[in-house]
Amino acid sequence: MSQYFVGRLGMRAYYRTVGRQLDADLTTEPMSFDHRKVLSRNVMKRLLAGGLPLVVYVYTASGYAHWLDTGEFVAAAADFGISHPPGHPLASLVLGLANLLPIGALSFRVALVCALLGAVAAVALFSALERTFRVSGVIREPLIVPLSLAGTWWVAGSQAWWFQAVRPEVYALQAALLCIAIERLLCVATSGRDGDVRPLYHAALAIGLALANHHYLVLLALVPAMWLLIGVWTVWGWRPFAWSTGFLGAGLLTYLFLPLRAISEPFLNLGDPTTPSRFVWVVSAQAFQKSLGPERIAPFREHLTDVIVAMGQDLHLGTLLLALLGAYFMLRVRAARKFGLFWLTVWLVYMMGRALLGFVHGNPDALAYFMMAYASVGVFAGFALGVVLSAVAEAAPGRPRLVPALGAIVALASLFQFARSYEEASLANFVDTDVFDDGLRRSLPARAVVLAHNPNTIFRFWGGEAEELNRPDVTMVPLPMSSYPKLVDRLVSDEPELKLLLRNYVLDGQLNAADLQSLAALRPVFIEMDIRVATEMFDMLVPEQLYHRVLTADITETDEGQAMQRHGKLWDDIDARIGEPHDAQTEVQLLWRHYNDALYFAGVGDLHGARRSVGAGLSLNPHAAELLLMQDALKHAPSGEPIDIAPFRVQ
């Protein structure tokens, strides 16, 4: 194409053509439309924008809940429960609609709801792109729809967007609401005085509902929205904003679901927001406000770099560079400058908002925080292509079919993003959590008590039990959440024999050996091995399933030896059932468990078991510093003697 311009026009003429495109303030001549045809065309292109992602999302949706807090949201959906702060009342209501679907396990049905929400987000994003491209006046009309599709599909096919639509989570719902709010705000901002102000009310309602789902992500959107709201105020005055507060408040009324539902004590009732103080505790997410402490702000530059690198890997570095060019172009065009500032601020605010909290590599929740930043990249990249292709059209007036053909090619080429992201985003063959559930819950002895440390274990237990309801006799104590209001009281009310153990744990912050053995005389007691388990307690524990069982007086050394052997066979069975390659989060869980097993075996003097666990961990991460240090120490350790594991504990 560059040779064409050099030969036919010369590069200088080409750049003048692009310059005219950028400096012009073009408008489309008024035309007469058949409204039925227009409506049909609008419906078809939106079906195309969201239908293709929907098919992909449904095809690759998880048949089982994934890791992290997906199990918790399955439990919340099971009976419209209350999840961790800020409670996510809207997610409980919307994801709970999965109970109406007639097929599949509940976790799969919740994933289907998220797939639909992801498709809705794609449709709203497409409309936002279309409005942005059209208002600039520099992109030829035949290019607007294909470039809007290209931007939408490239973003929807990224791991950050795709992965939220194939697992039970709140982020697909949040993306749908934010994209709807943005599209409605763009609608009223581009309509002028002769337009319709009602889209502002739609945006306010969407924002209110989004605040009832994940308020941090909404607060980030308020900063860029000011670029458009000021213009709306200038045109329409204060009255529409007064009405908008009512629609915003209507969305916020969703929070009333929390105390009303908590009164009936659902399966999941975290924070028990039945009093004003507990309601404020849940909604304000006080349990997570440490994420904004000074220790998070100090390495901000490093976190921001991590965010940019993650975006470059997911969207491709070339896309980011093209988006920067598009931002420059949009800021050059007078008619589009305000909208360029809006989208640029969206990009920056959502990147910095995630960096402020800290970025965790490989964590899909961290990627979800800048889904709106991805939307901005899609807008700017599409705009850059639109300017260039419109310049091509002006430079080649004798080829009217060239530019529409190029637009169609760009739209089809954007589907390559789905192929790029498939391995990381697809959960079509994911069974790992179901494999773990056997050792975490299903195969435990009757009336077992599980003292869990790992949040993933806690969420998996809740999600699996809410879905299957096959182990009501097993009691799981989520130790990291013992400070949640009423949680310990509820456990003690249901299981009075836990009173002494939990009271001392709340007071001392650690498990008491005497309390554990007293409880073990009444019921099977299991502790999830963790760096918080004191080394002095190792001698009273023995591996069983995916936990360590508290020994009782009738356990013999032969029983302990057989338990060690069963532990090795258990991991062989898990590895065989999961297969290769491992899901990224599954690798994290495997590595953490092998590391804790290695600490335990080294601490009790079972050096063979320690070497096996160290080897299993290093096969997942050959650069794990603590495991490498332990490997060296085990080479020189005397057989049968415990070794000091303090140097190998993660600090």
Foldseek 3Di string as FASTA:
>chain_A
DVVVCCVPPRPVRLVVLLVCLLADQAADDDDDDDVVVVVVVLVVLLCVQLVVLLVVQLLQAALDADFDQLLVLLLCLLPVEFGFFLRQNVSSVQLVCLVVDDDGFSFQSSLNSLSNLLSLLRSLLLLLLLLLLNLLNSFDPLQSSLLSSLLSLLLCLFQLSSQRNRGRDLLSNLSNLQSLLSSLLSQLLSQFLPGDLCSNLVSLLSLLLSLSGPVLLSVLLVVLSVLRVVSSCVRPNCVSVVVSVVSSVVNVCSLVCLLVVLVVPRLHNFQSPVDPVSNCCRHVVPVLPCLQDPVLVVVLVVQLVVLVVVCCLRSNVVLQVLLVVLLVSQCSRPSRNSVSSSLVSLLVSQSSSLSSSGADPPDSVSSSSNSSNSSSSSSSNSNSVSSSLSSVCVVCVVCVVVSSVVSNVSSVVSNVSNVVCVVQRGNSPPCQLVLLCVLLPVVDDFLEEEEEADSRSVSSVSSVCSRPVPHPSYHYDHLVSLVRPCPVVVVCVVPVLCVVQSVVCVVPVAGDLVSLQVVCVVHWYWYQQDLRHDLVQLVQWADDRRTTTGHYPPDDPVNRVVSLVVVVVSVVVSPVVRDDDDRSVVLVVLLRSLLSQLLSCLSQQVLVSNLVSLVSNCVSPVPPPLSVVVNVVSVPDDHRDHDDSVVSHDD
